C-alpha atoms as a PDB file:
ATOM      1  CA  MET A   1      35.366  41.814  -0.953  1.00  0.00           C
ATOM      2  CA  PHE A   2      35.887  44.584  -3.465  1.00  0.00           C
ATOM      3  CA  LEU A   3      34.819  42.315  -6.347  1.00  0.00           C
ATOM      4  CA  LYS A   4      31.691  41.346  -4.456  1.00  0.00           C
ATOM      5  CA  LYS A   5      30.716  45.028  -4.095  1.00  0.00           C
ATOM      6  CA  ILE A   6      31.272  45.615  -7.810  1.00  0.00           C
ATOM      7  CA  TYR A   7      29.242  42.520  -8.622  1.00  0.00           C
ATOM      8  CA  LEU A   8      26.339  43.666  -6.410  1.00  0.00           C
ATOM      9  CA  TYR A   9      26.534  47.162  -7.904  1.00  0.00           C
ATOM     10  CA  TYR A  10      26.122  45.798 -11.441  1.00  0.00           C
ATOM     11  CA  ILE A  11      23.341  43.450 -10.352  1.00  0.00           C
ATOM     12  CA  ASN A  12      21.479  46.433  -8.874  1.00  0.00           C
ATOM     13  CA  ILE A  13      21.954  48.425 -12.086  1.00  0.00           C
ATOM     14  CA  ILE A  14      20.654  45.512 -14.184  1.00  0.00           C
ATOM     15  CA  TYR A  15      17.685  45.156 -11.814  1.00  0.00           C
ATOM     16  CA  ILE A  16      16.833  48.862 -12.048  1.00  0.00           C
ATOM     17  CA  ILE A  17      17.108  48.859 -15.859  1.00  0.00           C
ATOM     18  CA  THR A  18      15.008  45.695 -16.122  1.00  0.00           C
ATOM     19  CA  ARG A  19      12.404  47.042 -13.737  1.00  0.00           C
ATOM     20  CA  GLY A  20      12.161  50.272 -15.731  1.00  0.00           C
ATOM     21  CA  THR A  21      11.851  48.375 -18.994  1.00  0.00           C
ATOM     22  CA  LEU A  22       9.107  46.162 -17.587  1.00  0.00           C
ATOM     23  CA  TYR A  23       7.285  49.218 -16.272  1.00  0.00           C
ATOM     24  CA  GLU A  24       7.430  50.865 -19.708  1.00  0.00           C
ATOM     25  CA  LEU A  25       6.275  47.663 -21.395  1.00  0.00           C
ATOM     26  CA  SER A  26       3.350  47.347 -18.983  1.00  0.00           C
ATOM     27  CA  LYS A  27       2.032  50.663 -20.279  1.00  0.00           C
ATOM     28  CA  ASP A  28       1.973  49.299 -23.836  1.00  0.00           C
ATOM     29  CA  LYS A  29      -1.529  48.093 -24.689  1.00  0.00           C
ATOM     30  CA  TYR A  30      -0.348  45.307 -27.027  1.00  0.00           C
ATOM     31  CA  VAL A  31       2.215  43.921 -24.614  1.00  0.00           C
ATOM     32  CA  ARG A  32      -0.359  43.899 -21.818  1.00  0.00           C
ATOM     33  CA  GLU A  33      -2.906  42.106 -24.037  1.00  0.00           C
ATOM     34  CA  SER A  34      -0.277  39.542 -25.076  1.00  0.00           C
ATOM     35  CA  TYR A  35       0.582  38.913 -21.432  1.00  0.00           C
ATOM     36  CA  GLU A  36      -3.077  38.494 -20.496  1.00  0.00           C
ATOM     37  CA  GLN A  37      -3.623  36.125 -23.416  1.00  0.00           C
ATOM     38  CA  LEU A  38      -0.605  34.009 -22.432  1.00  0.00           C
ATOM     39  CA  SER A  39      -1.792  33.959 -18.822  1.00  0.00           C
ATOM     40  CA  LYS A  40      -5.234  32.796 -19.913  1.00  0.00           C
ATOM     41  CA  GLN A  41      -3.759  30.093 -22.155  1.00  0.00           C
ATOM     42  CA  TRP A  42      -1.595  28.828 -19.304  1.00  0.00           C
ATOM     43  CA  SER A  43      -4.626  28.779 -17.020  1.00  0.00           C
ATOM     44  CA  ASP A  44      -6.575  26.823 -19.652  1.00  0.00           C
ATOM     45  CA  ILE A  45      -3.732  24.315 -20.022  1.00  0.00           C
ATOM     46  CA  LYS A  46      -3.578  23.757 -16.253  1.00  0.00           C
ATOM     47  CA  SER A  47      -7.354  23.404 -16.089  1.00  0.00           C
ATOM     48  CA  ALA A  48      -7.419  20.887 -18.956  1.00  0.00           C
ATOM     49  CA  ALA A  49      -4.619  18.848 -17.376  1.00  0.00           C
ATOM     50  CA  TYR A  50      -6.460  18.753 -14.047  1.00  0.00           C
ATOM     51  CA  ASN A  51      -9.736  17.749 -15.713  1.00  0.00           C
ATOM     52  CA  ASP A  52      -7.972  14.995 -17.660  1.00  0.00           C
ATOM     53  CA  PHE A  53      -6.451  13.768 -14.403  1.00  0.00           C
ATOM     54  CA  LYS A  54      -9.881  13.655 -12.726  1.00  0.00           C
ATOM     55  CA  ASP A  55     -11.396  11.884 -15.746  1.00  0.00           C
ATOM     56  CA  GLY A  56      -8.587   9.323 -15.659  1.00  0.00           C
ATOM     57  CA  ILE A  57      -9.276   8.605 -11.992  1.00  0.00           C
ATOM     58  CA  LYS A  58     -13.005   8.155 -12.681  1.00  0.00           C
ATOM     59  CA  LYS A  59     -12.318   5.885 -15.648  1.00  0.00           C
ATOM     60  CA  GLY A  60      -9.875   3.829 -13.580  1.00  0.00           C
ATOM     61  CA  LYS A  61     -12.451   3.354 -10.822  1.00  0.00           C
ATOM     62  CA  ILE A  62     -15.100   2.243 -13.308  1.00  0.00           C
ATOM     63  CA  GLU A  63     -12.702  -0.177 -15.004  1.00  0.00           C
ATOM     64  CA  GLY A  64     -11.656  -1.515 -11.595  1.00  0.00           C
ATOM     65  CA  LYS A  65     -15.272  -2.150 -10.619  1.00  0.00           C
ATOM     66  CA  ASN A  66     -15.979  -3.909 -13.910  1.00  0.00           C
ATOM     67  CA  GLU A  67     -12.860  -6.029 -13.526  1.00  0.00           C
ATOM     68  CA  GLY A  68     -13.906  -6.922  -9.987  1.00  0.00           C
ATOM     69  CA  LYS A  69     -17.362  -7.954 -11.168  1.00  0.00           C
ATOM     70  CA  MET A  70     -15.891 -10.169 -13.884  1.00  0.00           C
ATOM     71  CA  GLU A  71     -13.472 -11.715 -11.405  1.00  0.00           C
ATOM     72  CA  GLY A  72     -16.336 -12.354  -8.988  1.00  0.00           C
ATOM     73  CA  ALA A  73     -18.386 -13.973 -11.752  1.00  0.00           C
ATOM     74  CA  GLN A  74     -15.407 -16.178 -12.626  1.00  0.00           C
ATOM     75  CA  LEU A  75     -15.067 -17.290  -9.001  1.00  0.00           C
ATOM     76  CA  ARG A  76     -18.794 -17.963  -8.776  1.00  0.00           C
ATOM     77  CA  SER A  77     -18.640 -20.070 -11.957  1.00  0.00           C
ATOM     78  CA  ILE A  78     -15.778 -22.119 -10.520  1.00  0.00           C
ATOM     79  CA  GLU A  79     -17.827 -22.625  -7.375  1.00  0.00           C
ATOM     80  CA  VAL A  80     -20.830 -23.777  -9.444  1.00  0.00           C
ATOM     81  CA  VAL A  81     -18.661 -26.220 -11.404  1.00  0.00           C
ATOM     82  CA  MET A  82     -17.153 -27.670  -8.251  1.00  0.00           C
ATOM     83  CA  MET A  83     -20.544 -28.070  -6.578  1.00  0.00           C
ATOM     84  CA  GLY A  84     -21.915 -29.670  -9.756  1.00  0.00           C
ATOM     85  CA  ILE A  85     -19.014 -32.110  -9.926  1.00  0.00           C
ATOM     86  CA  LEU A  86     -19.332 -33.087  -6.275  1.00  0.00           C
ATOM     87  CA  ASP A  87     -23.118 -33.457  -6.528  1.00  0.00           C
ATOM     88  CA  ASN A  88     -22.687 -35.632  -9.663  1.00  0.00           C
ATOM     89  CA  TYR A  89     -24.585 -33.375 -12.035  1.00  0.00           C
ATOM     90  CA  SER A  90     -24.222 -34.075 -15.738  1.00  0.00           C
ATOM     91  CA  ILE A  91     -21.577 -32.201 -17.704  1.00  0.00           C
ATOM     92  CA  ASP A  92     -24.297 -30.554 -19.831  1.00  0.00           C
ATOM     93  CA  THR A  93     -26.040 -29.198 -16.737  1.00  0.00           C
ATOM     94  CA  ILE A  94     -22.776 -27.859 -15.341  1.00  0.00           C
ATOM     95  CA  ILE A  95     -21.949 -26.212 -18.679  1.00  0.00           C
ATOM     96  CA  LYS A  96     -25.412 -24.637 -18.790  1.00  0.00           C
ATOM     97  CA  PHE A  97     -25.074 -23.023 -15.362  1.00  0.00           C
ATOM     98  CA  SER A  98     -21.384 -22.146 -15.402  1.00  0.00           C
ATOM     99  CA  LYS A  99     -20.716 -21.289 -19.074  1.00  0.00           C
ATOM    100  CA  PHE A 100     -17.427 -23.223 -18.778  1.00  0.00           C
ATOM    101  CA  SER A 101     -16.132 -25.484 -21.528  1.00  0.00           C
ATOM    102  CA  ILE A 102     -15.874 -29.258 -21.152  1.00  0.00           C
ATOM    103  CA  GLU A 103     -12.074 -28.899 -20.958  1.00  0.00           C
ATOM    104  CA  ASP A 104     -12.319 -26.418 -18.082  1.00  0.00           C
ATOM    105  CA  ILE A 105     -14.773 -28.640 -16.220  1.00  0.00           C
ATOM    106  CA  ASN A 106     -12.535 -31.681 -16.686  1.00  0.00           C
ATOM    107  CA  TYR A 107      -9.583 -29.619 -15.484  1.00  0.00           C
ATOM    108  CA  LEU A 108     -11.424 -28.737 -12.273  1.00  0.00           C
ATOM    109  CA  LYS A 109     -12.584 -32.344 -11.918  1.00  0.00           C
ATOM    110  CA  THR A 110      -8.944 -33.475 -12.073  1.00  0.00           C
ATOM    111  CA  LEU A 111      -8.059 -30.841  -9.502  1.00  0.00           C
ATOM    112  CA  ILE A 112     -10.766 -32.064  -7.125  1.00  0.00           C
ATOM    113  CA  ASP A 113      -9.914 -35.752  -7.588  1.00  0.00           C
ATOM    114  CA  ASN A 114      -6.152 -35.328  -7.223  1.00  0.00           C
ATOM    115  CA  LYS A 115      -5.227 -33.511  -3.994  1.00  0.00           C
ATOM    116  CA  GLU A 116      -1.540 -33.408  -5.037  1.00  0.00           C
ATOM    117  CA  TYR A 117      -2.381 -31.439  -8.196  1.00  0.00           C
ATOM    118  CA  ASN A 118      -0.386 -28.211  -8.623  1.00  0.00           C
ATOM    119  CA  ILE A 119      -2.793 -25.493  -7.573  1.00  0.00           C
ATOM    120  CA  ASP A 120      -0.532 -22.762  -8.987  1.00  0.00           C
ATOM    121  CA  GLU A 121      -1.606 -23.886 -12.456  1.00  0.00           C
ATOM    122  CA  LEU A 122      -5.103 -22.774 -11.514  1.00  0.00           C
ATOM    123  CA  LYS A 123      -3.964 -19.167 -11.651  1.00  0.00           C
ATOM    124  CA  SER A 124      -2.675 -19.476 -15.189  1.00  0.00           C
ATOM    125  CA  LYS A 125      -5.690 -21.465 -16.366  1.00  0.00           C
ATOM    126  CA  PHE A 126      -8.518 -19.393 -14.845  1.00  0.00           C
ATOM    127  CA  ASN A 127      -6.712 -16.184 -13.895  1.00  0.00           C
ATOM    128  CA  ILE A 128      -7.585 -16.459 -10.202  1.00  0.00           C
ATOM    129  CA  GLU A 129      -5.389 -16.515  -7.147  1.00  0.00           C
ATOM    130  CA  PRO A 130      -4.849 -19.836  -5.346  1.00  0.00           C
ATOM    131  CA  GLU A 131      -6.023 -18.121  -2.142  1.00  0.00           C
ATOM    132  CA  ASP A 132      -9.412 -17.454  -3.754  1.00  0.00           C
ATOM    133  CA  PHE A 133      -9.658 -21.108  -4.757  1.00  0.00           C
ATOM    134  CA  ASP A 134      -8.735 -22.160  -1.213  1.00  0.00           C
ATOM    135  CA  LYS A 135     -11.440 -19.835   0.125  1.00  0.00           C
ATOM    136  CA  ILE A 136     -14.059 -21.490  -2.110  1.00  0.00           C
ATOM    137  CA  CYS A 137     -12.902 -24.928  -0.987  1.00  0.00           C
ATOM    138  CA  LYS A 138     -13.101 -23.983   2.694  1.00  0.00           C
ATOM    139  CA  GLU A 139     -16.522 -22.333   2.341  1.00  0.00           C
ATOM    140  CA  LYS A 140     -17.987 -25.359   0.567  1.00  0.00           C
ATOM    141  CA  GLY A 141     -16.194 -27.918   2.724  1.00  0.00           C
ATOM    142  CA  PHE A 142     -14.048 -29.493   0.003  1.00  0.00           C
END
């Protein structure tokens, strides 16, 4: 108990000395200007970090929309190829409207002809989910 009182006494003395020193320093024009400059710099850093964060969010949204559009175009092209194959259009016509290569069209043709074909390979080949392919098949009645 006695040691605790001594400890608190010295803490109070240190606090009083520190407070007095800070008060004296606050009167100094150069110290005050330095403090204000540091405060402004810190405010600028926080503001820049926040603005960069907001810009990153905006950029991410734009990239996400673009990626979604490309994915939608890919799905639409697969749909066009499948409809062309089922309606017996020529390979050249299907290529013209889908922008797919002959290999990709033949791959989809194999997939349509062989119901036991591994649909998981579709994801690696065309970068689409099997569920999206199933959705196209159901919508078009395949």
